[in-house]
PDB file of N, CA and C in Angstrom:
ATOM      1  N   MET A   1      79.275 117.979  89.076  1.00  0.00           N
ATOM      2  CA  MET A   1      78.549 117.725  90.296  1.00  0.00           C
ATOM      3  C   MET A   1      79.403 118.183  91.481  1.00  0.00           C
ATOM      4  N   LYS A   2      78.789 118.863  92.426  1.00  0.00           N
ATOM      5  CA  LYS A   2      79.489 119.383  93.593  1.00  0.00           C
ATOM      6  C   LYS A   2      79.799 118.253  94.576  1.00  0.00           C
ATOM      7  N   LEU A   3      81.015 118.277  95.113  1.00  0.00           N
ATOM      8  CA  LEU A   3      81.421 117.272  96.092  1.00  0.00           C
ATOM      9  C   LEU A   3      80.604 117.422  97.371  1.00  0.00           C
ATOM     10  N   PRO A   4      80.357 116.310  98.065  1.00  0.00           N
ATOM     11  CA  PRO A   4      79.667 116.419  99.344  1.00  0.00           C
ATOM     12  C   PRO A   4      80.570 117.106 100.374  1.00  0.00           C
ATOM     13  N   ALA A   5      79.944 117.709 101.376  1.00  0.00           N
ATOM     14  CA  ALA A   5      80.696 118.350 102.458  1.00  0.00           C
ATOM     15  C   ALA A   5      80.943 117.317 103.561  1.00  0.00           C
ATOM     16  N   PHE A   6      82.158 117.318 104.070  1.00  0.00           N
ATOM     17  CA  PHE A   6      82.521 116.417 105.153  1.00  0.00           C
ATOM     18  C   PHE A   6      82.866 117.242 106.385  1.00  0.00           C
ATOM     19  N   LYS A   7      82.087 117.085 107.427  1.00  0.00           N
ATOM     20  CA  LYS A   7      82.229 117.876 108.652  1.00  0.00           C
ATOM     21  C   LYS A   7      83.630 117.751 109.263  1.00  0.00           C
ATOM     22  N   TYR A   8      84.177 116.541 109.293  1.00  0.00           N
ATOM     23  CA  TYR A   8      85.459 116.313 109.959  1.00  0.00           C
ATOM     24  C   TYR A   8      86.642 116.217 108.992  1.00  0.00           C
ATOM     25  N   ASN A   9      86.411 116.487 107.739  1.00  0.00           N
ATOM     26  CA  ASN A   9      87.485 116.561 106.746  1.00  0.00           C
ATOM     27  C   ASN A   9      87.014 117.558 105.679  1.00  0.00           C
ATOM     28  N   PRO A  10      87.085 118.850 106.004  1.00  0.00           N
ATOM     29  CA  PRO A  10      86.500 119.859 105.117  1.00  0.00           C
ATOM     30  C   PRO A  10      87.182 120.039 103.763  1.00  0.00           C
ATOM     31  N   ASP A  11      88.415 119.570 103.605  1.00  0.00           N
ATOM     32  CA  ASP A  11      89.102 119.731 102.321  1.00  0.00           C
ATOM     33  C   ASP A  11      89.893 118.469 101.960  1.00  0.00           C
ATOM     34  N   PRO A  12      89.186 117.370 101.633  1.00  0.00           N
ATOM     35  CA  PRO A  12      89.885 116.122 101.317  1.00  0.00           C
ATOM     36  C   PRO A  12      90.723 116.196 100.040  1.00  0.00           C
ATOM     37  N   ILE A  13      90.419 117.133  99.152  1.00  0.00           N
ATOM     38  CA  ILE A  13      91.245 117.303  97.952  1.00  0.00           C
ATOM     39  C   ILE A  13      92.613 117.857  98.352  1.00  0.00           C
ATOM     40  N   LYS A  14      92.607 118.857  99.204  1.00  0.00           N
ATOM     41  CA  LYS A  14      93.861 119.446  99.673  1.00  0.00           C
ATOM     42  C   LYS A  14      94.695 118.426 100.445  1.00  0.00           C
ATOM     43  N   LEU A  15      94.040 117.541 101.190  1.00  0.00           N
ATOM     44  CA  LEU A  15      94.751 116.502 101.934  1.00  0.00           C
ATOM     45  C   LEU A  15      95.222 115.361 101.040  1.00  0.00           C
ATOM     46  N   GLY A  16      94.784 115.363  99.793  1.00  0.00           N
ATOM     47  CA  GLY A  16      95.251 114.363  98.839  1.00  0.00           C
ATOM     48  C   GLY A  16      94.597 113.005  98.950  1.00  0.00           C
ATOM     49  N   VAL A  17      93.339 112.954  99.420  1.00  0.00           N
ATOM     50  CA  VAL A  17      92.646 111.669  99.495  1.00  0.00           C
ATOM     51  C   VAL A  17      91.474 111.564  98.521  1.00  0.00           C
ATOM     52  N   ILE A  18      91.072 112.680  97.956  1.00  0.00           N
ATOM     53  CA  ILE A  18      90.067 112.676  96.885  1.00  0.00           C
ATOM     54  C   ILE A  18      90.676 113.406  95.699  1.00  0.00           C
ATOM     55  N   PHE A  19      90.574 112.760  94.532  1.00  0.00           N
ATOM     56  CA  PHE A  19      91.156 113.296  93.306  1.00  0.00           C
ATOM     57  C   PHE A  19      90.090 113.413  92.234  1.00  0.00           C
ATOM     58  N   GLU A  20      90.294 114.373  91.347  1.00  0.00           N
ATOM     59  CA  GLU A  20      89.431 114.450  90.173  1.00  0.00           C
ATOM     60  C   GLU A  20      89.967 113.437  89.168  1.00  0.00           C
ATOM     61  N   GLU A  21      89.242 112.363  89.032  1.00  0.00           N
ATOM     62  CA  GLU A  21      89.634 111.262  88.154  1.00  0.00           C
ATOM     63  C   GLU A  21      88.390 110.417  87.891  1.00  0.00           C
ATOM     64  N   GLU A  22      88.238 109.979  86.677  1.00  0.00           N
ATOM     65  CA  GLU A  22      87.076 109.153  86.351  1.00  0.00           C
ATOM     66  C   GLU A  22      87.187 107.781  87.004  1.00  0.00           C
ATOM     67  N   THR A  23      86.070 107.329  87.536  1.00  0.00           N
ATOM     68  CA  THR A  23      86.029 106.027  88.189  1.00  0.00           C
ATOM     69  C   THR A  23      84.627 105.447  88.053  1.00  0.00           C
ATOM     70  N   LYS A  24      84.554 104.148  88.101  1.00  0.00           N
ATOM     71  CA  LYS A  24      83.255 103.493  88.253  1.00  0.00           C
ATOM     72  C   LYS A  24      83.235 103.001  89.685  1.00  0.00           C
ATOM     73  N   CYS A  25      82.445 103.651  90.494  1.00  0.00           N
ATOM     74  CA  CYS A  25      82.393 103.358  91.921  1.00  0.00           C
ATOM     75  C   CYS A  25      81.871 101.936  92.148  1.00  0.00           C
ATOM     76  N   PRO A  26      82.582 101.136  92.937  1.00  0.00           N
ATOM     77  CA  PRO A  26      82.132  99.770  93.197  1.00  0.00           C
ATOM     78  C   PRO A  26      80.905  99.708  94.111  1.00  0.00           C
ATOM     79  N   VAL A  27      80.573 100.811  94.740  1.00  0.00           N
ATOM     80  CA  VAL A  27      79.428 100.837  95.659  1.00  0.00           C
ATOM     81  C   VAL A  27      78.146 101.170  94.904  1.00  0.00           C
ATOM     82  N   CYS A  28      78.109 102.353  94.275  1.00  0.00           N
ATOM     83  CA  CYS A  28      76.893 102.787  93.564  1.00  0.00           C
ATOM     84  C   CYS A  28      76.885 102.327  92.110  1.00  0.00           C
ATOM     85  N   GLU A  29      78.041 101.853  91.633  1.00  0.00           N
ATOM     86  CA  GLU A  29      78.215 101.377  90.258  1.00  0.00           C
ATOM     87  C   GLU A  29      77.940 102.449  89.213  1.00  0.00           C
ATOM     88  N   LYS A  30      78.158 103.718  89.581  1.00  0.00           N
ATOM     89  CA  LYS A  30      77.992 104.839  88.657  1.00  0.00           C
ATOM     90  C   LYS A  30      79.357 105.352  88.231  1.00  0.00           C
ATOM     91  N   GLU A  31      79.404 105.906  87.026  1.00  0.00           N
ATOM     92  CA  GLU A  31      80.604 106.595  86.566  1.00  0.00           C
ATOM     93  C   GLU A  31      80.663 107.935  87.289  1.00  0.00           C
ATOM     94  N   GLN A  32      81.774 108.194  87.959  1.00  0.00           N
ATOM     95  CA  GLN A  32      81.940 109.428  88.722  1.00  0.00           C
ATOM     96  C   GLN A  32      83.221 110.125  88.285  1.00  0.00           C
ATOM     97  N   ASN A  33      83.313 111.428  88.573  1.00  0.00           N
ATOM     98  CA  ASN A  33      84.483 112.216  88.199  1.00  0.00           C
ATOM     99  C   ASN A  33      85.467 112.421  89.342  1.00  0.00           C
ATOM    100  N   TYR A  34      85.146 111.901  90.522  1.00  0.00           N
ATOM    101  CA  TYR A  34      86.039 112.011  91.666  1.00  0.00           C
ATOM    102  C   TYR A  34      86.192 110.640  92.307  1.00  0.00           C
ATOM    103  N   VAL A  35      87.376 110.387  92.853  1.00  0.00           N
ATOM    104  CA  VAL A  35      87.667 109.088  93.453  1.00  0.00           C
ATOM    105  C   VAL A  35      88.408 109.286  94.774  1.00  0.00           C
ATOM    106  N   TYR A  36      88.137 108.410  95.704  1.00  0.00           N
ATOM    107  CA  TYR A  36      88.802 108.402  96.999  1.00  0.00           C
ATOM    108  C   TYR A  36      90.005 107.481  96.934  1.00  0.00           C
ATOM    109  N   GLU A  37      91.162 107.971  97.401  1.00  0.00           N
ATOM    110  CA  GLU A  37      92.379 107.169  97.459  1.00  0.00           C
ATOM    111  C   GLU A  37      93.036 107.376  98.814  1.00  0.00           C
ATOM    112  N   GLY A  38      92.369 106.873  99.835  1.00  0.00           N
ATOM    113  CA  GLY A  38      92.881 106.984 101.193  1.00  0.00           C
ATOM    114  C   GLY A  38      92.631 105.687 101.930  1.00  0.00           C
ATOM    115  N   PRO A  39      92.881 105.678 103.233  1.00  0.00           N
ATOM    116  CA  PRO A  39      92.709 104.450 103.994  1.00  0.00           C
ATOM    117  C   PRO A  39      91.253 103.993 104.063  1.00  0.00           C
ATOM    118  N   PHE A  40      91.062 102.697 103.951  1.00  0.00           N
ATOM    119  CA  PHE A  40      89.755 102.077 104.127  1.00  0.00           C
ATOM    120  C   PHE A  40      89.998 100.712 104.744  1.00  0.00           C
ATOM    121  N   PHE A  41      89.573 100.565 105.986  1.00  0.00           N
ATOM    122  CA  PHE A  41      89.819  99.348 106.747  1.00  0.00           C
ATOM    123  C   PHE A  41      88.662  98.378 106.551  1.00  0.00           C
ATOM    124  N   SER A  42      88.915  97.335 105.774  1.00  0.00           N
ATOM    125  CA  SER A  42      87.897  96.350 105.428  1.00  0.00           C
ATOM    126  C   SER A  42      88.597  95.038 105.100  1.00  0.00           C
ATOM    127  N   GLU A  43      87.875  93.935 105.215  1.00  0.00           N
ATOM    128  CA  GLU A  43      88.452  92.656 104.808  1.00  0.00           C
ATOM    129  C   GLU A  43      88.624  92.596 103.292  1.00  0.00           C
ATOM    130  N   ASP A  44      87.809  93.352 102.566  1.00  0.00           N
ATOM    131  CA  ASP A  44      87.884  93.393 101.105  1.00  0.00           C
ATOM    132  C   ASP A  44      88.862  94.473 100.659  1.00  0.00           C
ATOM    133  N   GLU A  45      89.549  94.218  99.565  1.00  0.00           N
ATOM    134  CA  GLU A  45      90.376  95.238  98.923  1.00  0.00           C
ATOM    135  C   GLU A  45      89.460  96.016  97.991  1.00  0.00           C
ATOM    136  N   VAL A  46      89.206  97.264  98.314  1.00  0.00           N
ATOM    137  CA  VAL A  46      88.249  98.068  97.561  1.00  0.00           C
ATOM    138  C   VAL A  46      88.952  99.309  97.032  1.00  0.00           C
ATOM    139  N   GLU A  47      88.775  99.581  95.748  1.00  0.00           N
ATOM    140  CA  GLU A  47      89.351 100.776  95.130  1.00  0.00           C
ATOM    141  C   GLU A  47      88.284 101.471  94.305  1.00  0.00           C
ATOM    142  N   GLY A  48      88.437 102.774  94.144  1.00  0.00           N
ATOM    143  CA  GLY A  48      87.552 103.528  93.261  1.00  0.00           C
ATOM    144  C   GLY A  48      86.276 104.041  93.898  1.00  0.00           C
ATOM    145  N   ILE A  49      86.221 104.085  95.225  1.00  0.00           N
ATOM    146  CA  ILE A  49      85.013 104.575  95.904  1.00  0.00           C
ATOM    147  C   ILE A  49      84.840 106.057  95.618  1.00  0.00           C
ATOM    148  N   CYS A  50      83.618 106.449  95.331  1.00  0.00           N
ATOM    149  CA  CYS A  50      83.340 107.863  95.082  1.00  0.00           C
ATOM    150  C   CYS A  50      83.015 108.573  96.403  1.00  0.00           C
ATOM    151  N   PRO A  51      83.219 109.877  96.463  1.00  0.00           N
ATOM    152  CA  PRO A  51      82.960 110.637  97.685  1.00  0.00           C
ATOM    153  C   PRO A  51      81.502 110.575  98.156  1.00  0.00           C
ATOM    154  N   TRP A  52      80.581 110.445  97.237  1.00  0.00           N
ATOM    155  CA  TRP A  52      79.158 110.431  97.611  1.00  0.00           C
ATOM    156  C   TRP A  52      78.805 109.167  98.380  1.00  0.00           C
ATOM    157  N   CYS A  53      79.452 108.060  98.058  1.00  0.00           N
ATOM    158  CA  CYS A  53      79.204 106.807  98.780  1.00  0.00           C
ATOM    159  C   CYS A  53      79.897 106.794 100.139  1.00  0.00           C
ATOM    160  N   ILE A  54      80.910 107.631 100.305  1.00  0.00           N
ATOM    161  CA  ILE A  54      81.495 107.813 101.632  1.00  0.00           C
ATOM    162  C   ILE A  54      80.533 108.655 102.467  1.00  0.00           C
ATOM    163  N   ALA A  55      80.097 109.778 101.909  1.00  0.00           N
ATOM    164  CA  ALA A  55      79.255 110.728 102.646  1.00  0.00           C
ATOM    165  C   ALA A  55      77.943 110.126 103.131  1.00  0.00           C
ATOM    166  N   ASP A  56      77.343 109.259 102.354  1.00  0.00           N
ATOM    167  CA  ASP A  56      76.054 108.702 102.790  1.00  0.00           C
ATOM    168  C   ASP A  56      76.205 107.404 103.590  1.00  0.00           C
ATOM    169  N   GLY A  57      77.434 106.959 103.780  1.00  0.00           N
ATOM    170  CA  GLY A  57      77.695 105.776 104.579  1.00  0.00           C
ATOM    171  C   GLY A  57      77.538 104.455 103.852  1.00  0.00           C
ATOM    172  N   SER A  58      77.166 104.491 102.577  1.00  0.00           N
ATOM    173  CA  SER A  58      76.905 103.243 101.858  1.00  0.00           C
ATOM    174  C   SER A  58      78.172 102.426 101.583  1.00  0.00           C
ATOM    175  N   ALA A  59      79.331 103.088 101.423  1.00  0.00           N
ATOM    176  CA  ALA A  59      80.577 102.347 101.194  1.00  0.00           C
ATOM    177  C   ALA A  59      80.961 101.552 102.438  1.00  0.00           C
ATOM    178  N   ALA A  60      80.925 102.195 103.588  1.00  0.00           N
ATOM    179  CA  ALA A  60      81.260 101.509 104.836  1.00  0.00           C
ATOM    180  C   ALA A  60      80.284 100.372 105.110  1.00  0.00           C
ATOM    181  N   LYS A  61      79.027 100.607 104.821  1.00  0.00           N
ATOM    182  CA  LYS A  61      78.009  99.577 105.063  1.00  0.00           C
ATOM    183  C   LYS A  61      78.194  98.379 104.126  1.00  0.00           C
ATOM    184  N   LYS A  62      78.397  98.640 102.836  1.00  0.00           N
ATOM    185  CA  LYS A  62      78.503  97.564 101.859  1.00  0.00           C
ATOM    186  C   LYS A  62      79.693  96.646 102.146  1.00  0.00           C
ATOM    187  N   TYR A  63      80.818  97.237 102.556  1.00  0.00           N
ATOM    188  CA  TYR A  63      82.037  96.460 102.759  1.00  0.00           C
ATOM    189  C   TYR A  63      82.396  96.269 104.232  1.00  0.00           C
ATOM    190  N   ASP A  64      81.474  96.612 105.129  1.00  0.00           N
ATOM    191  CA  ASP A  64      81.703  96.497 106.566  1.00  0.00           C
ATOM    192  C   ASP A  64      83.072  97.087 106.903  1.00  0.00           C
ATOM    193  N   GLY A  65      83.280  98.328 106.449  1.00  0.00           N
ATOM    194  CA  GLY A  65      84.584  98.959 106.594  1.00  0.00           C
ATOM    195  C   GLY A  65      84.531 100.275 107.334  1.00  0.00           C
ATOM    196  N   GLU A  66      85.711 100.815 107.574  1.00  0.00           N
ATOM    197  CA  GLU A  66      85.869 102.081 108.284  1.00  0.00           C
ATOM    198  C   GLU A  66      86.917 102.932 107.562  1.00  0.00           C
ATOM    199  N   PHE A  67      86.695 104.244 107.566  1.00  0.00           N
ATOM    200  CA  PHE A  67      87.640 105.171 106.956  1.00  0.00           C
ATOM    201  C   PHE A  67      88.645 105.714 107.964  1.00  0.00           C
ATOM    202  N   GLN A  68      88.364 105.524 109.248  1.00  0.00           N
ATOM    203  CA  GLN A  68      89.269 105.899 110.331  1.00  0.00           C
ATOM    204  C   GLN A  68      89.474 104.655 111.184  1.00  0.00           C
ATOM    205  N   ASP A  69      90.586 104.582 111.861  1.00  0.00           N
ATOM    206  CA  ASP A  69      90.852 103.497 112.792  1.00  0.00           C
ATOM    207  C   ASP A  69      90.092 103.792 114.081  1.00  0.00           C
ATOM    208  N   ALA A  70      89.005 103.100 114.309  1.00  0.00           N
ATOM    209  CA  ALA A  70      88.128 103.370 115.449  1.00  0.00           C
ATOM    210  C   ALA A  70      88.856 103.236 116.777  1.00  0.00           C
ATOM    211  N   TYR A  71      89.812 102.340 116.859  1.00  0.00           N
ATOM    212  CA  TYR A  71      90.503 102.111 118.121  1.00  0.00           C
ATOM    213  C   TYR A  71      91.468 103.234 118.490  1.00  0.00           C
ATOM    214  N   SER A  72      91.857 104.039 117.530  1.00  0.00           N
ATOM    215  CA  SER A  72      92.765 105.143 117.836  1.00  0.00           C
ATOM    216  C   SER A  72      92.014 106.448 118.106  1.00  0.00           C
ATOM    217  N   CYS A  73      90.692 106.423 118.021  1.00  0.00           N
ATOM    218  CA  CYS A  73      89.878 107.615 118.285  1.00  0.00           C
ATOM    219  C   CYS A  73      89.630 107.759 119.785  1.00  0.00           C
ATOM    220  N   ASP A  74      89.594 108.992 120.241  1.00  0.00           N
ATOM    221  CA  ASP A  74      89.260 109.248 121.640  1.00  0.00           C
ATOM    222  C   ASP A  74      87.812 108.865 121.905  1.00  0.00           C
ATOM    223  N   ASP A  75      87.521 108.517 123.147  1.00  0.00           N
ATOM    224  CA  ASP A  75      86.130 108.264 123.531  1.00  0.00           C
ATOM    225  C   ASP A  75      85.369 109.578 123.486  1.00  0.00           C
ATOM    226  N   VAL A  76      84.153 109.503 122.986  1.00  0.00           N
ATOM    227  CA  VAL A  76      83.298 110.691 122.933  1.00  0.00           C
ATOM    228  C   VAL A  76      81.961 110.361 123.581  1.00  0.00           C
ATOM    229  N   ASP A  77      81.292 111.399 124.060  1.00  0.00           N
ATOM    230  CA  ASP A  77      80.010 111.210 124.739  1.00  0.00           C
ATOM    231  C   ASP A  77      78.904 110.779 123.789  1.00  0.00           C
ATOM    232  N   LYS A  78      78.957 111.243 122.580  1.00  0.00           N
ATOM    233  CA  LYS A  78      77.873 110.967 121.641  1.00  0.00           C
ATOM    234  C   LYS A  78      78.358 110.061 120.517  1.00  0.00           C
ATOM    235  N   GLU A  79      77.714 108.934 120.377  1.00  0.00           N
ATOM    236  CA  GLU A  79      78.121 107.956 119.373  1.00  0.00           C
ATOM    237  C   GLU A  79      77.948 108.481 117.953  1.00  0.00           C
ATOM    238  N   GLU A  80      76.985 109.388 117.720  1.00  0.00           N
ATOM    239  CA  GLU A  80      76.777 109.881 116.353  1.00  0.00           C
ATOM    240  C   GLU A  80      78.003 110.608 115.813  1.00  0.00           C
ATOM    241  N   PHE A  81      78.796 111.237 116.696  1.00  0.00           N
ATOM    242  CA  PHE A  81      80.036 111.881 116.247  1.00  0.00           C
ATOM    243  C   PHE A  81      81.013 110.835 115.723  1.00  0.00           C
ATOM    244  N   LEU A  82      81.136 109.749 116.471  1.00  0.00           N
ATOM    245  CA  LEU A  82      82.039 108.676 116.079  1.00  0.00           C
ATOM    246  C   LEU A  82      81.571 107.998 114.796  1.00  0.00           C
ATOM    247  N   VAL A  83      80.281 107.794 114.657  1.00  0.00           N
ATOM    248  CA  VAL A  83      79.717 107.187 113.443  1.00  0.00           C
ATOM    249  C   VAL A  83      80.019 108.065 112.235  1.00  0.00           C
ATOM    250  N   GLU A  84      79.819 109.367 112.379  1.00  0.00           N
ATOM    251  CA  GLU A  84      80.106 110.315 111.288  1.00  0.00           C
ATOM    252  C   GLU A  84      81.578 110.258 110.897  1.00  0.00           C
ATOM    253  N   LEU A  85      82.458 110.228 111.882  1.00  0.00           N
ATOM    254  CA  LEU A  85      83.893 110.226 111.623  1.00  0.00           C
ATOM    255  C   LEU A  85      84.371 108.921 110.992  1.00  0.00           C
ATOM    256  N   ILE A  86      83.947 107.804 111.511  1.00  0.00           N
ATOM    257  CA  ILE A  86      84.469 106.514 111.072  1.00  0.00           C
ATOM    258  C   ILE A  86      83.851 106.015 109.767  1.00  0.00           C
ATOM    259  N   TYR A  87      82.545 106.206 109.599  1.00  0.00           N
ATOM    260  CA  TYR A  87      81.842 105.610 108.463  1.00  0.00           C
ATOM    261  C   TYR A  87      81.477 106.577 107.343  1.00  0.00           C
ATOM    262  N   LYS A  88      81.563 107.889 107.591  1.00  0.00           N
ATOM    263  CA  LYS A  88      81.074 108.855 106.592  1.00  0.00           C
ATOM    264  C   LYS A  88      82.059 109.991 106.314  1.00  0.00           C
ATOM    265  N   THR A  89      83.312 109.790 106.673  1.00  0.00           N
ATOM    266  CA  THR A  89      84.326 110.836 106.486  1.00  0.00           C
ATOM    267  C   THR A  89      85.569 110.236 105.834  1.00  0.00           C
ATOM    268  N   PRO A  90      86.076 110.830 104.755  1.00  0.00           N
ATOM    269  CA  PRO A  90      87.302 110.321 104.136  1.00  0.00           C
ATOM    270  C   PRO A  90      88.456 110.352 105.131  1.00  0.00           C
ATOM    271  N   GLY A  91      89.165 109.261 105.219  1.00  0.00           N
ATOM    272  CA  GLY A  91      90.319 109.198 106.106  1.00  0.00           C
ATOM    273  C   GLY A  91      91.540 109.797 105.446  1.00  0.00           C
ATOM    274  N   PHE A  92      92.586 109.910 106.210  1.00  0.00           N
ATOM    275  CA  PHE A  92      93.860 110.366 105.659  1.00  0.00           C
ATOM    276  C   PHE A  92      94.991 109.795 106.503  1.00  0.00           C
ATOM    277  N   THR A  93      96.147 109.702 105.922  1.00  0.00           N
ATOM    278  CA  THR A  93      97.307 109.191 106.618  1.00  0.00           C
ATOM    279  C   THR A  93      98.079 110.370 107.189  1.00  0.00           C
ATOM    280  N   GLY A  94      98.293 110.330 108.479  1.00  0.00           N
ATOM    281  CA  GLY A  94      98.978 111.443 109.141  1.00  0.00           C
ATOM    282  C   GLY A  94     100.433 111.169 109.362  1.00  0.00           C
TER     283      GLY A  94
END
């Protein structure tokens, strides 16, 4: 299955936050061949999220979490850009 495209993180494999590894995603509860191993800011400790649940926003919604630190982001005119970045884009540690 082809990985979803992320507008603000075009190569999460190269950045080392998505790996080819079998996982049972805690969000969709499906067996997947790719797993996210990057920052996720949530009250819950969550591991094994698949890239598809990041891309559609369901992981952030289910765990009321963020993949980017919203407070360290610059202000932008359009909220949809911020929503895409924080809730639907794999984060990375810089």
